[in-house]
Amino acid sequence: MDILSDKNVIIRKTRRCYACLRVFKKGTLMRCQVNTYDGIGSCYCCATCQMLLNKFPKYFFDEEEHIYPESCVFEILNDHQANNPEELLTKLMSL
């Protein structure tokens, strides 16, 4: 995978976070990455998930494929008894 662009943007339309699958409205600040994984595509990540991925990559990073899989944060919420990414971040920070 080659990363063509990776920056914070204010979204101009409703977007879904790649990691937690929550929907964010126009005007929200999100991380946008354009890459060449399976063709050229873009993904958006909310600020909380971006912090989770940066601080705790061992929970989310797929070593085999060298990527953060789609819905990686959403899928471990129940494992840590968290209702949302903010709760998960709080719980992981306290470990």
PDB file of N, CA and C in Angstrom:
ATOM      1  N   MET A   1       0.844  -1.170   0.000  1.00  0.00           N
ATOM      2  CA  MET A   1       0.000   0.000   0.000  1.00  0.00           C
ATOM      3  C   MET A   1       0.893   1.238   0.000  1.00  0.00           C
ATOM      4  N   ASP A   2       0.595   2.158  -0.877  1.00  0.00           N
ATOM      5  CA  ASP A   2       1.270   3.449  -0.904  1.00  0.00           C
ATOM      6  C   ASP A   2       0.301   4.519  -0.427  1.00  0.00           C
ATOM      7  N   ILE A   3       0.775   5.383   0.456  1.00  0.00           N
ATOM      8  CA  ILE A   3      -0.052   6.493   0.937  1.00  0.00           C
ATOM      9  C   ILE A   3       0.228   7.704   0.063  1.00  0.00           C
ATOM     10  N   LEU A   4      -0.804   8.183  -0.602  1.00  0.00           N
ATOM     11  CA  LEU A   4      -0.675   9.333  -1.487  1.00  0.00           C
ATOM     12  C   LEU A   4      -0.886  10.637  -0.741  1.00  0.00           C
ATOM     13  N   SER A   5      -1.742  10.623   0.280  1.00  0.00           N
ATOM     14  CA  SER A   5      -2.045  11.816   1.059  1.00  0.00           C
ATOM     15  C   SER A   5      -2.535  11.371   2.428  1.00  0.00           C
ATOM     16  N   ASP A   6      -2.167  12.117   3.461  1.00  0.00           N
ATOM     17  CA  ASP A   6      -2.594  11.795   4.817  1.00  0.00           C
ATOM     18  C   ASP A   6      -2.636  13.104   5.594  1.00  0.00           C
ATOM     19  N   LYS A   7      -3.842  13.639   5.801  1.00  0.00           N
ATOM     20  CA  LYS A   7      -3.950  14.947   6.458  1.00  0.00           C
ATOM     21  C   LYS A   7      -5.294  15.110   7.148  1.00  0.00           C
ATOM     22  N   ASN A   8      -5.345  16.074   8.060  1.00  0.00           N
ATOM     23  CA  ASN A   8      -6.599  16.443   8.715  1.00  0.00           C
ATOM     24  C   ASN A   8      -7.379  17.352   7.783  1.00  0.00           C
ATOM     25  N   VAL A   9      -8.677  17.089   7.673  1.00  0.00           N
ATOM     26  CA  VAL A   9      -9.536  17.901   6.820  1.00  0.00           C
ATOM     27  C   VAL A   9     -10.848  18.170   7.550  1.00  0.00           C
ATOM     28  N   ILE A  10     -11.489  19.249   7.184  1.00  0.00           N
ATOM     29  CA  ILE A  10     -12.858  19.506   7.631  1.00  0.00           C
ATOM     30  C   ILE A  10     -13.743  18.936   6.536  1.00  0.00           C
ATOM     31  N   ILE A  11     -14.514  17.913   6.889  1.00  0.00           N
ATOM     32  CA  ILE A  11     -15.288  17.217   5.862  1.00  0.00           C
ATOM     33  C   ILE A  11     -16.387  18.109   5.297  1.00  0.00           C
ATOM     34  N   ARG A  12     -16.605  17.957   3.996  1.00  0.00           N
ATOM     35  CA  ARG A  12     -17.603  18.780   3.305  1.00  0.00           C
ATOM     36  C   ARG A  12     -18.922  18.062   3.100  1.00  0.00           C
ATOM     37  N   LYS A  13     -18.958  16.792   3.509  1.00  0.00           N
ATOM     38  CA  LYS A  13     -20.221  16.043   3.482  1.00  0.00           C
ATOM     39  C   LYS A  13     -20.158  14.979   4.567  1.00  0.00           C
ATOM     40  N   THR A  14     -21.256  14.349   4.854  1.00  0.00           N
ATOM     41  CA  THR A  14     -21.317  13.315   5.878  1.00  0.00           C
ATOM     42  C   THR A  14     -20.347  12.186   5.531  1.00  0.00           C
ATOM     43  N   ARG A  15     -19.585  11.745   6.532  1.00  0.00           N
ATOM     44  CA  ARG A  15     -18.604  10.666   6.340  1.00  0.00           C
ATOM     45  C   ARG A  15     -18.702   9.667   7.486  1.00  0.00           C
ATOM     46  N   ARG A  16     -18.307   8.446   7.193  1.00  0.00           N
ATOM     47  CA  ARG A  16     -18.261   7.385   8.199  1.00  0.00           C
ATOM     48  C   ARG A  16     -16.798   7.170   8.593  1.00  0.00           C
ATOM     49  N   CYS A  17     -16.558   7.042   9.900  1.00  0.00           N
ATOM     50  CA  CYS A  17     -15.207   6.753  10.379  1.00  0.00           C
ATOM     51  C   CYS A  17     -14.851   5.319  10.000  1.00  0.00           C
ATOM     52  N   TYR A  18     -13.704   5.166   9.403  1.00  0.00           N
ATOM     53  CA  TYR A  18     -13.203   3.873   8.954  1.00  0.00           C
ATOM     54  C   TYR A  18     -13.028   2.902  10.120  1.00  0.00           C
ATOM     55  N   ALA A  19     -12.638   3.402  11.283  1.00  0.00           N
ATOM     56  CA  ALA A  19     -12.287   2.533  12.399  1.00  0.00           C
ATOM     57  C   ALA A  19     -13.464   2.184  13.308  1.00  0.00           C
ATOM     58  N   CYS A  20     -14.326   3.156  13.603  1.00  0.00           N
ATOM     59  CA  CYS A  20     -15.429   2.893  14.547  1.00  0.00           C
ATOM     60  C   CYS A  20     -16.794   2.809  13.868  1.00  0.00           C
ATOM     61  N   LEU A  21     -16.874   3.179  12.614  1.00  0.00           N
ATOM     62  CA  LEU A  21     -18.083   3.118  11.797  1.00  0.00           C
ATOM     63  C   LEU A  21     -19.158   4.139  12.174  1.00  0.00           C
ATOM     64  N   ARG A  22     -18.834   5.090  13.069  1.00  0.00           N
ATOM     65  CA  ARG A  22     -19.806   6.140  13.387  1.00  0.00           C
ATOM     66  C   ARG A  22     -19.872   7.129  12.228  1.00  0.00           C
ATOM     67  N   VAL A  23     -21.020   7.781  12.101  1.00  0.00           N
ATOM     68  CA  VAL A  23     -21.235   8.766  11.037  1.00  0.00           C
ATOM     69  C   VAL A  23     -21.001  10.167  11.600  1.00  0.00           C
ATOM     70  N   PHE A  24     -20.271  10.994  10.838  1.00  0.00           N
ATOM     71  CA  PHE A  24     -19.961  12.357  11.243  1.00  0.00           C
ATOM     72  C   PHE A  24     -20.503  13.334  10.213  1.00  0.00           C
ATOM     73  N   LYS A  25     -21.019  14.448  10.712  1.00  0.00           N
ATOM     74  CA  LYS A  25     -21.650  15.446   9.847  1.00  0.00           C
ATOM     75  C   LYS A  25     -20.635  16.393   9.224  1.00  0.00           C
ATOM     76  N   LYS A  26     -21.076  17.005   8.156  1.00  0.00           N
ATOM     77  CA  LYS A  26     -20.317  18.044   7.473  1.00  0.00           C
ATOM     78  C   LYS A  26     -19.785  19.049   8.496  1.00  0.00           C
ATOM     79  N   GLY A  27     -18.519  19.460   8.316  1.00  0.00           N
ATOM     80  CA  GLY A  27     -17.913  20.441   9.208  1.00  0.00           C
ATOM     81  C   GLY A  27     -17.065  19.839  10.311  1.00  0.00           C
ATOM     82  N   THR A  28     -17.062  18.514  10.431  1.00  0.00           N
ATOM     83  CA  THR A  28     -16.274  17.829  11.454  1.00  0.00           C
ATOM     84  C   THR A  28     -14.831  17.676  10.971  1.00  0.00           C
ATOM     85  N   LEU A  29     -13.886  17.814  11.884  1.00  0.00           N
ATOM     86  CA  LEU A  29     -12.481  17.592  11.563  1.00  0.00           C
ATOM     87  C   LEU A  29     -12.201  16.095  11.619  1.00  0.00           C
ATOM     88  N   MET A  30     -11.688  15.533  10.530  1.00  0.00           N
ATOM     89  CA  MET A  30     -11.344  14.111  10.458  1.00  0.00           C
ATOM     90  C   MET A  30     -10.003  13.949   9.746  1.00  0.00           C
ATOM     91  N   ARG A  31      -9.391  12.814   9.960  1.00  0.00           N
ATOM     92  CA  ARG A  31      -8.157  12.477   9.259  1.00  0.00           C
ATOM     93  C   ARG A  31      -8.559  11.804   7.948  1.00  0.00           C
ATOM     94  N   CYS A  32      -8.002  12.261   6.833  1.00  0.00           N
ATOM     95  CA  CYS A  32      -8.297  11.675   5.524  1.00  0.00           C
ATOM     96  C   CYS A  32      -7.012  11.102   4.945  1.00  0.00           C
ATOM     97  N   GLN A  33      -7.067   9.846   4.597  1.00  0.00           N
ATOM     98  CA  GLN A  33      -5.920   9.207   3.957  1.00  0.00           C
ATOM     99  C   GLN A  33      -6.336   8.705   2.587  1.00  0.00           C
ATOM    100  N   VAL A  34      -5.548   9.048   1.582  1.00  0.00           N
ATOM    101  CA  VAL A  34      -5.736   8.532   0.225  1.00  0.00           C
ATOM    102  C   VAL A  34      -4.593   7.561  -0.010  1.00  0.00           C
ATOM    103  N   ASN A  35      -4.954   6.332  -0.419  1.00  0.00           N
ATOM    104  CA  ASN A  35      -3.914   5.313  -0.618  1.00  0.00           C
ATOM    105  C   ASN A  35      -4.215   4.444  -1.824  1.00  0.00           C
ATOM    106  N   THR A  36      -3.281   3.561  -2.100  1.00  0.00           N
ATOM    107  CA  THR A  36      -3.408   2.688  -3.267  1.00  0.00           C
ATOM    108  C   THR A  36      -3.626   1.229  -2.882  1.00  0.00           C
ATOM    109  N   TYR A  37      -4.271   0.964  -1.773  1.00  0.00           N
ATOM    110  CA  TYR A  37      -4.581  -0.401  -1.374  1.00  0.00           C
ATOM    111  C   TYR A  37      -5.808  -0.869  -2.154  1.00  0.00           C
ATOM    112  N   ASP A  38      -5.677  -1.891  -2.963  1.00  0.00           N
ATOM    113  CA  ASP A  38      -6.771  -2.374  -3.822  1.00  0.00           C
ATOM    114  C   ASP A  38      -7.321  -1.258  -4.710  1.00  0.00           C
ATOM    115  N   GLY A  39      -6.448  -0.519  -5.383  1.00  0.00           N
ATOM    116  CA  GLY A  39      -6.836   0.626  -6.198  1.00  0.00           C
ATOM    117  C   GLY A  39      -6.697   1.896  -5.376  1.00  0.00           C
ATOM    118  N   ILE A  40      -7.008   3.016  -5.962  1.00  0.00           N
ATOM    119  CA  ILE A  40      -6.924   4.284  -5.235  1.00  0.00           C
ATOM    120  C   ILE A  40      -8.218   4.505  -4.465  1.00  0.00           C
ATOM    121  N   GLY A  41      -8.078   4.788  -3.188  1.00  0.00           N
ATOM    122  CA  GLY A  41      -9.248   5.012  -2.359  1.00  0.00           C
ATOM    123  C   GLY A  41      -8.917   5.942  -1.217  1.00  0.00           C
ATOM    124  N   SER A  42      -9.948   6.381  -0.540  1.00  0.00           N
ATOM    125  CA  SER A  42      -9.739   7.251   0.617  1.00  0.00           C
ATOM    126  C   SER A  42     -10.517   6.700   1.800  1.00  0.00           C
ATOM    127  N   CYS A  43     -10.014   6.997   2.986  1.00  0.00           N
ATOM    128  CA  CYS A  43     -10.729   6.619   4.201  1.00  0.00           C
ATOM    129  C   CYS A  43     -10.609   7.773   5.185  1.00  0.00           C
ATOM    130  N   TYR A  44     -11.622   7.893   6.027  1.00  0.00           N
ATOM    131  CA  TYR A  44     -11.695   8.968   7.005  1.00  0.00           C
ATOM    132  C   TYR A  44     -11.714   8.360   8.394  1.00  0.00           C
ATOM    133  N   CYS A  45     -11.038   9.024   9.313  1.00  0.00           N
ATOM    134  CA  CYS A  45     -10.933   8.521  10.682  1.00  0.00           C
ATOM    135  C   CYS A  45     -11.207   9.675  11.651  1.00  0.00           C
ATOM    136  N   CYS A  46     -12.081   9.442  12.634  1.00  0.00           N
ATOM    137  CA  CYS A  46     -12.398  10.484  13.615  1.00  0.00           C
ATOM    138  C   CYS A  46     -11.210  10.708  14.548  1.00  0.00           C
ATOM    139  N   ALA A  47     -11.234  11.808  15.266  1.00  0.00           N
ATOM    140  CA  ALA A  47     -10.117  12.184  16.137  1.00  0.00           C
ATOM    141  C   ALA A  47      -9.878  11.157  17.245  1.00  0.00           C
ATOM    142  N   THR A  48     -10.931  10.624  17.830  1.00  0.00           N
ATOM    143  CA  THR A  48     -10.776   9.643  18.908  1.00  0.00           C
ATOM    144  C   THR A  48     -10.128   8.366  18.385  1.00  0.00           C
ATOM    145  N   CYS A  49     -10.595   7.882  17.256  1.00  0.00           N
ATOM    146  CA  CYS A  49     -10.012   6.661  16.689  1.00  0.00           C
ATOM    147  C   CYS A  49      -8.568   6.896  16.252  1.00  0.00           C
ATOM    148  N   GLN A  50      -8.290   8.074  15.724  1.00  0.00           N
ATOM    149  CA  GLN A  50      -6.919   8.391  15.333  1.00  0.00           C
ATOM    150  C   GLN A  50      -6.000   8.307  16.552  1.00  0.00           C
ATOM    151  N   MET A  51      -6.466   8.815  17.686  1.00  0.00           N
ATOM    152  CA  MET A  51      -5.678   8.752  18.910  1.00  0.00           C
ATOM    153  C   MET A  51      -5.496   7.303  19.363  1.00  0.00           C
ATOM    154  N   LEU A  52      -6.572   6.512  19.289  1.00  0.00           N
ATOM    155  CA  LEU A  52      -6.478   5.094  19.652  1.00  0.00           C
ATOM    156  C   LEU A  52      -5.470   4.361  18.775  1.00  0.00           C
ATOM    157  N   LEU A  53      -5.543   4.584  17.477  1.00  0.00           N
ATOM    158  CA  LEU A  53      -4.640   3.894  16.551  1.00  0.00           C
ATOM    159  C   LEU A  53      -3.191   4.306  16.779  1.00  0.00           C
ATOM    160  N   ASN A  54      -2.962   5.571  17.092  1.00  0.00           N
ATOM    161  CA  ASN A  54      -1.600   6.050  17.325  1.00  0.00           C
ATOM    162  C   ASN A  54      -1.027   5.577  18.653  1.00  0.00           C
ATOM    163  N   LYS A  55      -1.835   5.590  19.715  1.00  0.00           N
ATOM    164  CA  LYS A  55      -1.348   5.246  21.053  1.00  0.00           C
ATOM    165  C   LYS A  55      -1.335   3.744  21.335  1.00  0.00           C
ATOM    166  N   PHE A  56      -2.249   3.000  20.716  1.00  0.00           N
ATOM    167  CA  PHE A  56      -2.404   1.582  21.027  1.00  0.00           C
ATOM    168  C   PHE A  56      -2.463   0.719  19.761  1.00  0.00           C
ATOM    169  N   PRO A  57      -1.477   0.811  18.886  1.00  0.00           N
ATOM    170  CA  PRO A  57      -1.546   0.077  17.616  1.00  0.00           C
ATOM    171  C   PRO A  57      -1.632  -1.439  17.779  1.00  0.00           C
ATOM    172  N   LYS A  58      -1.088  -1.982  18.865  1.00  0.00           N
ATOM    173  CA  LYS A  58      -1.101  -3.442  19.040  1.00  0.00           C
ATOM    174  C   LYS A  58      -2.509  -4.027  19.088  1.00  0.00           C
ATOM    175  N   TYR A  59      -3.489  -3.214  19.480  1.00  0.00           N
ATOM    176  CA  TYR A  59      -4.868  -3.684  19.545  1.00  0.00           C
ATOM    177  C   TYR A  59      -5.555  -3.702  18.176  1.00  0.00           C
ATOM    178  N   PHE A  60      -5.048  -2.920  17.241  1.00  0.00           N
ATOM    179  CA  PHE A  60      -5.782  -2.693  15.997  1.00  0.00           C
ATOM    180  C   PHE A  60      -5.039  -3.075  14.726  1.00  0.00           C
ATOM    181  N   PHE A  61      -3.715  -3.027  14.750  1.00  0.00           N
ATOM    182  CA  PHE A  61      -2.921  -3.223  13.537  1.00  0.00           C
ATOM    183  C   PHE A  61      -2.855  -4.695  13.169  1.00  0.00           C
ATOM    184  N   ASP A  62      -3.119  -5.014  11.917  1.00  0.00           N
ATOM    185  CA  ASP A  62      -3.032  -6.382  11.414  1.00  0.00           C
ATOM    186  C   ASP A  62      -1.621  -6.597  10.870  1.00  0.00           C
ATOM    187  N   GLU A  63      -0.791  -7.292  11.643  1.00  0.00           N
ATOM    188  CA  GLU A  63       0.606  -7.524  11.262  1.00  0.00           C
ATOM    189  C   GLU A  63       0.728  -8.299   9.951  1.00  0.00           C
ATOM    190  N   GLU A  64      -0.218  -9.184   9.709  1.00  0.00           N
ATOM    191  CA  GLU A  64      -0.169 -10.016   8.513  1.00  0.00           C
ATOM    192  C   GLU A  64      -0.368  -9.192   7.238  1.00  0.00           C
ATOM    193  N   GLU A  65      -1.324  -8.274   7.263  1.00  0.00           N
ATOM    194  CA  GLU A  65      -1.624  -7.471   6.080  1.00  0.00           C
ATOM    195  C   GLU A  65      -1.001  -6.078   6.130  1.00  0.00           C
ATOM    196  N   HIS A  66      -0.403  -5.727   7.273  1.00  0.00           N
ATOM    197  CA  HIS A  66       0.248  -4.430   7.456  1.00  0.00           C
ATOM    198  C   HIS A  66      -0.723  -3.257   7.277  1.00  0.00           C
ATOM    199  N   ILE A  67      -1.920  -3.415   7.824  1.00  0.00           N
ATOM    200  CA  ILE A  67      -2.942  -2.364   7.733  1.00  0.00           C
ATOM    201  C   ILE A  67      -3.755  -2.319   9.025  1.00  0.00           C
ATOM    202  N   TYR A  68      -4.500  -1.236   9.190  1.00  0.00           N
ATOM    203  CA  TYR A  68      -5.548  -1.160  10.199  1.00  0.00           C
ATOM    204  C   TYR A  68      -6.828  -1.572   9.493  1.00  0.00           C
ATOM    205  N   PRO A  69      -7.398  -2.742   9.813  1.00  0.00           N
ATOM    206  CA  PRO A  69      -8.603  -3.190   9.114  1.00  0.00           C
ATOM    207  C   PRO A  69      -9.798  -2.276   9.366  1.00  0.00           C
ATOM    208  N   GLU A  70     -10.678  -2.222   8.401  1.00  0.00           N
ATOM    209  CA  GLU A  70     -11.903  -1.446   8.564  1.00  0.00           C
ATOM    210  C   GLU A  70     -12.665  -1.959   9.776  1.00  0.00           C
ATOM    211  N   SER A  71     -13.232  -1.094  10.536  1.00  0.00           N
ATOM    212  CA  SER A  71     -14.020  -1.351  11.751  1.00  0.00           C
ATOM    213  C   SER A  71     -13.183  -1.922  12.899  1.00  0.00           C
ATOM    214  N   CYS A  72     -11.870  -1.738  12.861  1.00  0.00           N
ATOM    215  CA  CYS A  72     -10.991  -2.314  13.887  1.00  0.00           C
ATOM    216  C   CYS A  72     -11.301  -1.819  15.291  1.00  0.00           C
ATOM    217  N   VAL A  73     -11.687  -0.565  15.455  1.00  0.00           N
ATOM    218  CA  VAL A  73     -12.045  -0.048  16.784  1.00  0.00           C
ATOM    219  C   VAL A  73     -13.420  -0.579  17.181  1.00  0.00           C
ATOM    220  N   PHE A  74     -14.359  -0.518  16.280  1.00  0.00           N
ATOM    221  CA  PHE A  74     -15.716  -0.997  16.551  1.00  0.00           C
ATOM    222  C   PHE A  74     -15.702  -2.444  17.044  1.00  0.00           C
ATOM    223  N   GLU A  75     -14.869  -3.265  16.449  1.00  0.00           N
ATOM    224  CA  GLU A  75     -14.872  -4.692  16.752  1.00  0.00           C
ATOM    225  C   GLU A  75     -14.336  -5.031  18.137  1.00  0.00           C
ATOM    226  N   ILE A  76     -13.544  -4.155  18.751  1.00  0.00           N
ATOM    227  CA  ILE A  76     -13.035  -4.505  20.079  1.00  0.00           C
ATOM    228  C   ILE A  76     -13.730  -3.759  21.225  1.00  0.00           C
ATOM    229  N   LEU A  77     -14.734  -2.961  20.905  1.00  0.00           N
ATOM    230  CA  LEU A  77     -15.446  -2.246  21.970  1.00  0.00           C
ATOM    231  C   LEU A  77     -15.998  -3.220  23.013  1.00  0.00           C
ATOM    232  N   ASN A  78     -16.659  -4.280  22.584  1.00  0.00           N
ATOM    233  CA  ASN A  78     -17.250  -5.239  23.519  1.00  0.00           C
ATOM    234  C   ASN A  78     -16.190  -5.974  24.330  1.00  0.00           C
ATOM    235  N   ASP A  79     -15.051  -6.257  23.715  1.00  0.00           N
ATOM    236  CA  ASP A  79     -13.969  -6.954  24.426  1.00  0.00           C
ATOM    237  C   ASP A  79     -13.517  -6.174  25.656  1.00  0.00           C
ATOM    238  N   HIS A  80     -13.608  -4.860  25.587  1.00  0.00           N
ATOM    239  CA  HIS A  80     -13.171  -4.001  26.693  1.00  0.00           C
ATOM    240  C   HIS A  80     -14.347  -3.357  27.421  1.00  0.00           C
ATOM    241  N   GLN A  81     -15.542  -3.860  27.174  1.00  0.00           N
ATOM    242  CA  GLN A  81     -16.774  -3.379  27.805  1.00  0.00           C
ATOM    243  C   GLN A  81     -16.908  -1.860  27.696  1.00  0.00           C
ATOM    244  N   ALA A  82     -16.708  -1.368  26.483  1.00  0.00           N
ATOM    245  CA  ALA A  82     -16.846   0.057  26.197  1.00  0.00           C
ATOM    246  C   ALA A  82     -18.014   0.260  25.244  1.00  0.00           C
ATOM    247  N   ASN A  83     -18.738   1.349  25.435  1.00  0.00           N
ATOM    248  CA  ASN A  83     -19.886   1.658  24.579  1.00  0.00           C
ATOM    249  C   ASN A  83     -19.523   2.474  23.358  1.00  0.00           C
ATOM    250  N   ASN A  84     -18.380   3.148  23.405  1.00  0.00           N
ATOM    251  CA  ASN A  84     -17.963   3.990  22.289  1.00  0.00           C
ATOM    252  C   ASN A  84     -16.443   4.166  22.331  1.00  0.00           C
ATOM    253  N   PRO A  85     -15.854   4.705  21.286  1.00  0.00           N
ATOM    254  CA  PRO A  85     -14.396   4.867  21.249  1.00  0.00           C
ATOM    255  C   PRO A  85     -13.847   5.749  22.380  1.00  0.00           C
ATOM    256  N   GLU A  86     -14.605   6.732  22.827  1.00  0.00           N
ATOM    257  CA  GLU A  86     -14.139   7.588  23.922  1.00  0.00           C
ATOM    258  C   GLU A  86     -13.981   6.781  25.220  1.00  0.00           C
ATOM    259  N   GLU A  87     -14.946   5.900  25.499  1.00  0.00           N
ATOM    260  CA  GLU A  87     -14.841   5.033  26.675  1.00  0.00           C
ATOM    261  C   GLU A  87     -13.665   4.075  26.531  1.00  0.00           C
ATOM    262  N   LEU A  88     -13.482   3.533  25.345  1.00  0.00           N
ATOM    263  CA  LEU A  88     -12.374   2.630  25.095  1.00  0.00           C
ATOM    264  C   LEU A  88     -11.038   3.329  25.323  1.00  0.00           C
ATOM    265  N   LEU A  89     -10.919   4.540  24.843  1.00  0.00           N
ATOM    266  CA  LEU A  89      -9.684   5.307  25.032  1.00  0.00           C
ATOM    267  C   LEU A  89      -9.413   5.511  26.528  1.00  0.00           C
ATOM    268  N   THR A  90     -10.438   5.864  27.281  1.00  0.00           N
ATOM    269  CA  THR A  90     -10.289   6.062  28.717  1.00  0.00           C
ATOM    270  C   THR A  90      -9.833   4.779  29.396  1.00  0.00           C
ATOM    271  N   LYS A  91     -10.441   3.665  29.020  1.00  0.00           N
ATOM    272  CA  LYS A  91     -10.092   2.370  29.637  1.00  0.00           C
ATOM    273  C   LYS A  91      -8.664   1.966  29.286  1.00  0.00           C
ATOM    274  N   LEU A  92      -8.265   2.121  28.041  1.00  0.00           N
ATOM    275  CA  LEU A  92      -6.910   1.735  27.640  1.00  0.00           C
ATOM    276  C   LEU A  92      -5.859   2.648  28.277  1.00  0.00           C
ATOM    277  N   MET A  93      -6.186   3.922  28.456  1.00  0.00           N
ATOM    278  CA  MET A  93      -5.252   4.853  29.077  1.00  0.00           C
ATOM    279  C   MET A  93      -5.021   4.500  30.555  1.00  0.00           C
ATOM    280  N   SER A  94      -6.024   3.865  31.180  1.00  0.00           N
ATOM    281  CA  SER A  94      -5.896   3.545  32.604  1.00  0.00           C
ATOM    282  C   SER A  94      -5.186   2.217  32.858  1.00  0.00           C
ATOM    283  N   LEU A  95      -4.873   1.479  31.811  1.00  0.00           N
ATOM    284  CA  LEU A  95      -4.184   0.182  31.995  1.00  0.00           C
ATOM    285  C   LEU A  95      -2.735   0.376  32.362  1.00  0.00           C
TER     286      LEU A  95
END
